[in-house]
Amino acid sequence: MEFWWIILIVVAVVGLLSAILAVGNFSTDKFMEIYEKMFEMPAQAHKTIIEYINEQNYSRFDGKLKVARTKKLVGDGYNHKNKVLILTDKTLSSSSAGAFAIVAHELGHAQQDFTSNKFVVMKVLHAIGWVVGKLFLPAVVAFIVLLFFPDLLTYAIIVASVAAAIFVFAVVIKLVTISLEKDASKRAIKNLNEFLPDNVMKDVKKFLNSARLTYWSDLVRLLFGWSGLVRKTKMFK
């Protein structure tokens, strides 16, 4: 009986690991596939993207939100420092479900910024991470070198603890980022539900979920990048 339990546990672990690695390796490609499809799907919104942005700007942000264009592919985002919604030409000129989903999501980030300190905290954490992240590799190298000197074992442990703390900090930041992305998508869905039909909203939800999965993919790459089973990622980005 114990033998079968061991087999079941091994199969479960292998299956879970395979699913996790699949997220790390294929989420971005899957998102881009859905992204293209969503931009071919009419939103049936009875308003343009520009009209939607202006409507939200004056009803939720007192007209303080700015809009800027970017020529980057999938370069849509929100700039906290300048309170700017950054959108691609493709998004601004589209009337697709994908365009409305992206704009609503970035407006969700703007809401986070205007109504709470979550977005600010995230930016501060990223700034700290950018600094301490530069110490990670030197700490790892120092730890390896110190291992060759038995009398310096205490220092080796201290340096290893510093490296471990930096790595954990990177994991925490990615988890906080995932939480913010989830919250922004919830805000987007709540807002779009007011005027998009149910059949379109069904695909919008899938699209936003696939976008959030790319952030989980980034976390998986951080955790397993050393193994060579997934592509590596930056600790802090």
Foldseek 3Di string as FASTA:
>chain_A
DVVVVVVVVVVVVVVVVVVLLCLLACLVVVLVVLLVVQLVAAQQQPDAPVVVVVVCCCVPVVVQAAEAEDQDDVPFAADLVRNYGYYYPSLRPGRGLSSLLSSQLRVLVSNCSVPHCLNVVLVVLLVVLVVLLVCQVVLVVVLVVCVVPVVCPVVSVVSVVSNVVSLVSLLVSLVSVLVSLVSSSVSSLVVSVVGGDPVSSVSSNVSSVSVSSVSSSQSSLSVCVVVVSHPHDRSRD
